Amino acid sequence: MTSLQTWMLARMFMGPTARTEHTGISMFHMLKSEDKLWMIWMKIRSCNRTRKAVVTGSESMNGGHHLSKGKLGDVVGLTPGARISFNGQLRNYQNAVSQIVNILGSENAAANYLSRCIYTVGMGSNDYLNNYFMPLIYPTSRQYTPEQYADVLVQQYSQQLRTLYNYGARKVALIGVGQIGCSPNALAQFSPNGTQCVERINSANRLFNDRVRALVDNFNNNLAGASFIYINAYDIANDILRSPSSYGITVTNRGCCGVGRNNGQITCLPLQTPCSNRNQYFFWDAFHPSSAANLIIGRRSYNAQSSSDAYPIDIRRLAQL
């Protein structure tokens, strides 16, 4: 790579990756802030990654790893506001890859370059939050059992991830869906006492996660050069929620910012004053983990504390491949 190419890529890929909501800091932004995680951040930076090109399709590109988040389908998630579906993000990513090919001068050079990048993909939350468990708006819970719905989602997810692979992704961390049934929004709507998690939601999330984990073996066994891993965000969150004081968390059933029961009936509003002790809250708003929770999840994703945190390896070891 020439010095001019390096300068061009450095100009195009700077700063953190895409985020779709203001929830403090995401779990992978935490990797940058930790001195002991500097190695992985530098390795991710060496890929000279994307933000605007991936998220908006514009020519200006900056960011770290490619962080997709939220929904698999093109319809789900429209209720809380505009989002870019995974299909839309993939189209924008393809545009970004074309620009990288032009900068580096050949498809082979671009393929070698992208193969060193780490991609993190966290999908599925909004397919449950803003679709399956909104029966008054969407028919999916009447059309599919939880098992069938998980199958449909993961079949689509598999096709989308193969597209990502076909456009150069080789090191990919798949982030499992968290405990949506423990979110302030779920507690506000369905929990009789406001503290007991909603098992019918969590059980559906586990069905999805089990199938996503199985994709890892499928891809690694059948796609040349693929190194997919699964991050078990569900069980990591479960550890925190079961023993919050061990992690410095004191409030697990309310959002730091929100309205109504559990601060979860309406999510954090513009200009609303949040709680004064946000580092003691597991949830930032009606749906999303706080920075404090994301720090814990991010650390364990990078360097697994339990054998169940990541499969088959954690992000630290993925970065070393």
Protein backbone atom coordinates (compact mmCIF):
# COMPACT_ATOMS: atom_id res chain seq x y z
CA MET A 1 0.00 0.00 0.00
CA THR A 2 1.43 3.37 -0.99
CA SER A 3 1.71 6.27 1.42
CA LEU A 4 -0.96 8.10 -0.59
CA GLN A 5 -3.37 5.16 -0.26
CA THR A 6 -2.68 4.97 3.46
CA TRP A 7 -3.35 8.70 3.84
CA MET A 8 -6.59 8.46 1.84
CA LEU A 9 -7.87 5.55 3.92
CA ALA A 10 -6.85 7.24 7.15
CA ARG A 11 -8.83 10.30 6.12
CA MET A 12 -11.83 8.18 5.20
CA PHE A 13 -11.89 5.92 8.23
CA MET A 14 -11.56 7.79 11.49
CA GLY A 15 -13.64 7.84 14.65
CA PRO A 16 -16.16 5.42 16.11
CA THR A 17 -18.54 3.24 14.17
CA ALA A 18 -22.21 3.64 13.49
CA ARG A 19 -24.71 3.88 16.30
CA THR A 20 -28.44 4.22 15.96
CA GLU A 21 -29.38 5.61 19.34
CA HIS A 22 -28.02 7.73 22.16
CA THR A 23 -27.65 5.32 25.02
CA GLY A 24 -24.41 6.52 26.48
CA ILE A 25 -21.62 4.41 24.98
CA SER A 26 -22.04 1.11 23.19
CA MET A 27 -20.23 -2.04 24.27
CA PHE A 28 -17.74 -1.86 21.42
CA HIS A 29 -17.00 1.83 21.91
CA MET A 30 -15.81 0.70 25.33
CA LEU A 31 -13.02 -1.30 23.69
CA LYS A 32 -11.39 1.93 22.58
CA SER A 33 -11.43 3.49 26.03
CA GLU A 34 -9.73 0.62 27.83
CA ASP A 35 -5.93 0.68 27.83
CA LYS A 36 -5.78 -3.08 28.07
CA LEU A 37 -7.98 -3.33 24.97
CA TRP A 38 -5.77 -1.06 22.91
CA MET A 39 -4.39 -3.95 20.89
CA ILE A 40 -7.73 -4.88 19.45
CA TRP A 41 -8.62 -1.25 18.78
CA MET A 42 -5.37 -0.78 16.90
CA LYS A 43 -6.04 -3.94 14.94
CA ILE A 44 -9.52 -2.71 14.08
CA ARG A 45 -8.12 0.70 13.20
CA SER A 46 -5.67 -0.94 10.84
CA CYS A 47 -8.62 -1.93 8.70
CA ASN A 48 -9.50 1.74 8.28
CA ARG A 49 -13.18 1.15 8.47
CA THR A 50 -16.53 2.78 7.80
CA ARG A 51 -19.20 4.97 9.23
CA LYS A 52 -20.94 7.29 6.84
CA ALA A 53 -20.36 5.03 3.86
CA VAL A 54 -21.81 2.05 5.67
CA VAL A 55 -24.69 3.86 7.30
CA THR A 56 -25.63 6.42 4.66
CA GLY A 57 -23.84 5.30 1.53
CA SER A 58 -21.99 8.60 1.21
CA GLU A 59 -18.47 8.88 -0.13
CA SER A 60 -17.07 10.08 3.18
CA MET A 61 -16.06 7.05 5.24
CA ASN A 62 -14.88 6.88 8.80
CA GLY A 63 -15.25 4.58 11.77
CA GLY A 64 -13.80 1.43 13.29
CA HIS A 65 -15.27 -1.97 12.79
CA HIS A 66 -18.57 -2.30 10.97
CA LEU A 67 -21.23 -2.34 13.65
CA SER A 68 -24.69 -3.28 12.46
CA LYS A 69 -27.45 -3.32 14.99
CA GLY A 70 -31.14 -3.84 15.49
CA LYS A 71 -33.37 -5.35 12.84
CA LEU A 72 -33.15 -7.97 10.13
CA GLY A 73 -36.23 -7.13 8.10
CA ASP A 74 -37.05 -3.99 6.16
CA VAL A 75 -40.40 -3.42 7.90
CA VAL A 76 -39.70 -3.99 11.58
CA GLY A 77 -38.64 -1.12 13.78
CA LEU A 78 -40.57 1.58 11.96
CA THR A 79 -42.72 2.37 15.00
CA PRO A 80 -40.03 4.13 17.13
CA GLY A 81 -38.57 6.06 14.21
CA ALA A 82 -36.52 5.79 11.05
CA ARG A 83 -33.83 3.13 10.96
CA ILE A 84 -31.69 1.54 8.29
CA SER A 85 -32.39 -2.17 8.03
CA PHE A 86 -29.60 -4.71 7.73
CA ASN A 87 -30.38 -5.03 4.02
CA GLY A 88 -29.92 -1.29 3.70
CA GLN A 89 -26.67 -1.40 5.64
CA LEU A 90 -25.42 -4.21 3.41
CA ARG A 91 -26.11 -2.15 0.30
CA ASN A 92 -24.21 0.75 1.79
CA TYR A 93 -21.38 -1.58 2.79
CA GLN A 94 -21.17 -2.86 -0.79
CA ASN A 95 -20.78 0.74 -1.94
CA ALA A 96 -18.02 1.22 0.62
CA VAL A 97 -16.22 -1.89 -0.63
CA SER A 98 -16.34 -0.53 -4.18
CA GLN A 99 -14.64 2.63 -2.96
CA ILE A 100 -11.96 0.60 -1.19
CA VAL A 101 -11.30 -1.35 -4.41
CA ASN A 102 -10.83 1.94 -6.25
CA ILE A 103 -8.45 3.26 -3.60
CA LEU A 104 -6.32 0.11 -3.37
CA GLY A 105 -6.35 -0.53 -7.09
CA SER A 106 -7.58 -4.12 -7.26
CA GLU A 107 -10.15 -6.51 -5.85
CA ASN A 108 -7.40 -8.76 -4.50
CA ALA A 109 -5.83 -5.92 -2.53
CA ALA A 110 -9.23 -4.95 -1.15
CA ALA A 111 -10.03 -8.57 -0.24
CA ASN A 112 -6.75 -8.91 1.64
CA TYR A 113 -7.40 -5.62 3.39
CA LEU A 114 -10.96 -6.49 4.44
CA SER A 115 -9.96 -9.96 5.62
CA ARG A 116 -7.99 -8.32 8.44
CA CYS A 117 -10.98 -6.32 9.68
CA ILE A 118 -13.21 -7.36 12.56
CA TYR A 119 -16.93 -7.03 11.90
CA THR A 120 -19.42 -6.99 14.74
CA VAL A 121 -23.06 -7.65 13.93
CA GLY A 122 -25.86 -7.49 16.46
CA MET A 123 -29.27 -8.14 14.93
CA GLY A 124 -32.70 -9.31 15.99
CA SER A 125 -33.69 -7.10 18.91
CA ASN A 126 -36.13 -4.95 16.99
CA ASP A 127 -37.61 -7.97 15.25
CA TYR A 128 -38.91 -8.90 18.69
CA LEU A 129 -39.31 -5.51 20.38
CA ASN A 130 -40.98 -3.73 17.51
CA ASN A 131 -42.63 -6.58 15.66
CA TYR A 132 -43.31 -9.98 17.19
CA PHE A 133 -44.38 -8.62 20.58
CA MET A 134 -46.48 -5.81 19.12
CA PRO A 135 -49.52 -7.88 18.04
CA LEU A 136 -51.80 -4.87 17.68
CA ILE A 137 -49.56 -3.54 14.91
CA TYR A 138 -47.85 -6.58 13.37
CA PRO A 139 -49.36 -10.02 12.59
CA THR A 140 -46.19 -12.08 13.02
CA SER A 141 -47.07 -13.51 16.45
CA ARG A 142 -50.29 -14.87 14.94
CA GLN A 143 -48.54 -16.21 11.87
CA TYR A 144 -45.61 -17.94 13.58
CA THR A 145 -44.88 -19.79 16.78
CA PRO A 146 -41.75 -18.52 18.57
CA GLU A 147 -39.82 -21.47 17.11
CA GLN A 148 -41.03 -20.74 13.59
CA TYR A 149 -40.31 -17.04 13.91
CA ALA A 150 -36.76 -17.72 15.07
CA ASP A 151 -36.29 -20.03 12.09
CA VAL A 152 -37.56 -17.38 9.67
CA LEU A 153 -35.33 -14.69 11.16
CA VAL A 154 -32.18 -16.80 11.19
CA GLN A 155 -32.76 -18.04 7.66
CA GLN A 156 -32.82 -14.43 6.51
CA TYR A 157 -29.89 -13.57 8.78
CA SER A 158 -27.85 -16.39 7.27
CA GLN A 159 -28.40 -15.06 3.76
CA GLN A 160 -27.46 -11.55 4.82
CA LEU A 161 -24.29 -12.70 6.55
CA ARG A 162 -23.30 -14.65 3.46
CA THR A 163 -23.60 -11.41 1.51
CA LEU A 164 -21.31 -9.76 4.05
CA TYR A 165 -18.87 -12.65 3.60
CA ASN A 166 -19.07 -12.42 -0.20
CA TYR A 167 -18.00 -8.80 0.07
CA GLY A 168 -14.88 -9.50 2.06
CA ALA A 169 -15.83 -10.06 5.70
CA ARG A 170 -13.86 -12.93 7.25
CA LYS A 171 -13.61 -12.14 10.97
CA VAL A 172 -17.14 -11.66 12.24
CA ALA A 173 -18.49 -11.47 15.80
CA LEU A 174 -22.23 -12.18 16.00
CA ILE A 175 -23.79 -10.60 19.08
CA GLY A 176 -26.72 -12.46 20.59
CA VAL A 177 -29.95 -10.74 21.55
CA GLY A 178 -30.07 -9.66 25.19
CA GLN A 179 -32.79 -10.26 27.76
CA ILE A 180 -35.52 -8.16 26.19
CA GLY A 181 -38.00 -9.57 28.70
CA CYS A 182 -36.07 -7.81 31.48
CA SER A 183 -36.09 -4.39 29.84
CA PRO A 184 -37.97 -1.58 31.58
CA ASN A 185 -40.40 -1.49 28.67
CA ALA A 186 -41.25 -5.18 29.00
CA LEU A 187 -41.52 -4.88 32.79
CA ALA A 188 -43.78 -1.85 32.48
CA GLN A 189 -46.13 -3.65 30.12
CA PHE A 190 -46.16 -7.25 31.26
CA SER A 191 -44.55 -7.77 34.68
CA PRO A 192 -47.10 -7.99 37.52
CA ASN A 193 -44.70 -6.60 40.11
CA GLY A 194 -42.40 -4.55 37.89
CA THR A 195 -39.37 -6.64 38.81
CA GLN A 196 -39.99 -10.14 37.46
CA CYS A 197 -38.70 -10.60 33.91
CA VAL A 198 -41.15 -11.66 31.20
CA GLU A 199 -40.27 -15.27 30.44
CA ARG A 200 -42.29 -15.62 27.25
CA ILE A 201 -40.19 -12.85 25.71
CA ASN A 202 -36.89 -14.15 27.05
CA SER A 203 -37.63 -17.70 25.93
CA ALA A 204 -38.24 -16.43 22.40
CA ASN A 205 -34.92 -14.58 22.54
CA ARG A 206 -33.13 -17.76 23.59
CA LEU A 207 -34.59 -19.63 20.61
CA PHE A 208 -33.15 -17.00 18.30
CA ASN A 209 -29.77 -16.99 20.03
CA ASP A 210 -29.45 -20.77 19.87
CA ARG A 211 -29.90 -20.64 16.13
CA VAL A 212 -27.44 -17.77 15.71
CA ARG A 213 -24.81 -19.72 17.65
CA ALA A 214 -25.35 -22.68 15.33
CA LEU A 215 -24.65 -20.39 12.36
CA VAL A 216 -21.10 -19.97 13.64
CA ASP A 217 -20.26 -23.63 13.13
CA ASN A 218 -22.09 -23.68 9.81
CA PHE A 219 -20.13 -20.74 8.42
CA ASN A 220 -16.76 -21.77 9.82
CA ASN A 221 -17.16 -25.27 8.38
CA ASN A 222 -18.45 -24.25 4.97
CA LEU A 223 -17.06 -20.82 4.09
CA ALA A 224 -13.38 -20.69 3.14
CA GLY A 225 -11.32 -18.52 5.47
CA ALA A 226 -14.29 -17.63 7.67
CA SER A 227 -13.75 -16.97 11.38
CA PHE A 228 -17.17 -16.33 12.89
CA ILE A 229 -17.72 -16.17 16.64
CA TYR A 230 -20.79 -15.79 18.84
CA ILE A 231 -20.97 -13.37 21.78
CA ASN A 232 -23.41 -14.56 24.44
CA ALA A 233 -24.76 -11.17 25.48
CA TYR A 234 -27.86 -12.84 26.92
CA ASP A 235 -26.04 -14.82 29.61
CA ILE A 236 -23.55 -12.06 30.34
CA ALA A 237 -26.49 -9.76 31.04
CA ASN A 238 -28.08 -12.50 33.11
CA ASP A 239 -24.99 -12.67 35.33
CA ILE A 240 -25.20 -8.93 35.94
CA LEU A 241 -28.93 -8.95 36.62
CA ARG A 242 -28.63 -11.88 39.04
CA SER A 243 -25.80 -10.32 41.02
CA PRO A 244 -25.80 -6.60 40.22
CA SER A 245 -23.92 -5.50 43.33
CA SER A 246 -20.92 -7.54 42.18
CA TYR A 247 -20.67 -5.19 39.23
CA GLY A 248 -21.47 -1.93 40.99
CA ILE A 249 -25.05 -1.89 39.66
CA THR A 250 -27.90 -1.06 42.06
CA VAL A 251 -30.91 -0.52 39.76
CA THR A 252 -31.89 -3.21 37.26
CA ASN A 253 -35.61 -2.74 36.63
CA ARG A 254 -35.82 0.95 35.73
CA GLY A 255 -34.35 3.10 33.02
CA CYS A 256 -32.09 5.96 34.02
CA CYS A 257 -34.18 8.07 31.67
CA GLY A 258 -37.79 7.47 30.72
CA VAL A 259 -41.42 8.03 31.60
CA GLY A 260 -44.04 6.01 33.46
CA ARG A 261 -43.82 2.68 35.24
CA ASN A 262 -40.23 1.46 35.47
CA ASN A 263 -39.29 4.52 33.40
CA GLY A 264 -40.20 2.20 30.57
CA GLN A 265 -43.62 3.10 29.23
CA ILE A 266 -42.14 5.91 27.17
CA THR A 267 -38.44 5.94 26.45
CA CYS A 268 -36.14 8.88 27.20
CA LEU A 269 -37.47 12.10 25.71
CA PRO A 270 -35.45 14.97 24.23
CA LEU A 271 -34.22 17.39 26.92
CA GLN A 272 -35.45 15.07 29.68
CA THR A 273 -33.20 15.08 32.75
CA PRO A 274 -31.82 11.58 33.36
CA CYS A 275 -31.00 10.05 36.72
CA SER A 276 -28.03 11.51 38.56
CA ASN A 277 -26.34 8.14 39.18
CA ARG A 278 -26.42 6.57 35.73
CA ASN A 279 -23.40 4.38 36.43
CA GLN A 280 -25.51 2.43 38.92
CA TYR A 281 -28.25 1.63 36.38
CA PHE A 282 -28.24 -1.41 34.14
CA PHE A 283 -30.62 0.24 31.66
CA TRP A 284 -30.17 3.69 30.20
CA ASP A 285 -33.72 4.00 28.88
CA ALA A 286 -36.74 1.79 28.24
CA PHE A 287 -34.77 -0.60 26.04
CA HIS A 288 -31.01 -0.09 25.98
CA PRO A 289 -28.25 -1.00 28.45
CA SER A 290 -26.37 1.85 30.08
CA SER A 291 -22.74 2.72 29.51
CA ALA A 292 -21.92 0.93 32.77
CA ALA A 293 -23.60 -2.27 31.57
CA ASN A 294 -22.08 -1.98 28.11
CA LEU A 295 -18.62 -1.67 29.64
CA ILE A 296 -19.07 -4.98 31.46
CA ILE A 297 -20.51 -6.73 28.41
CA GLY A 298 -17.81 -5.30 26.15
CA ARG A 299 -14.99 -6.41 28.44
CA ARG A 300 -16.33 -9.95 28.66
CA SER A 301 -16.89 -10.05 24.91
CA TYR A 302 -13.27 -9.14 24.38
CA ASN A 303 -11.78 -11.31 27.12
CA ALA A 304 -14.24 -14.02 28.16
CA GLN A 305 -14.54 -14.59 31.89
CA SER A 306 -16.68 -17.68 31.42
CA SER A 307 -16.52 -20.40 28.79
CA SER A 308 -20.06 -19.45 27.79
CA ASP A 309 -19.26 -15.77 27.14
CA ALA A 310 -18.01 -16.36 23.61
CA TYR A 311 -17.95 -19.27 21.16
CA PRO A 312 -15.64 -20.73 19.97
CA ILE A 313 -13.23 -17.92 20.93
CA ASP A 314 -13.52 -14.38 22.25
CA ILE A 315 -12.76 -11.16 20.39
CA ARG A 316 -9.23 -10.93 21.84
CA ARG A 317 -8.31 -14.23 20.21
CA LEU A 318 -10.19 -13.36 17.03
CA ALA A 319 -8.02 -10.25 16.73
CA GLN A 320 -4.90 -12.42 16.94
CA LEU A 321 -5.84 -14.66 14.01
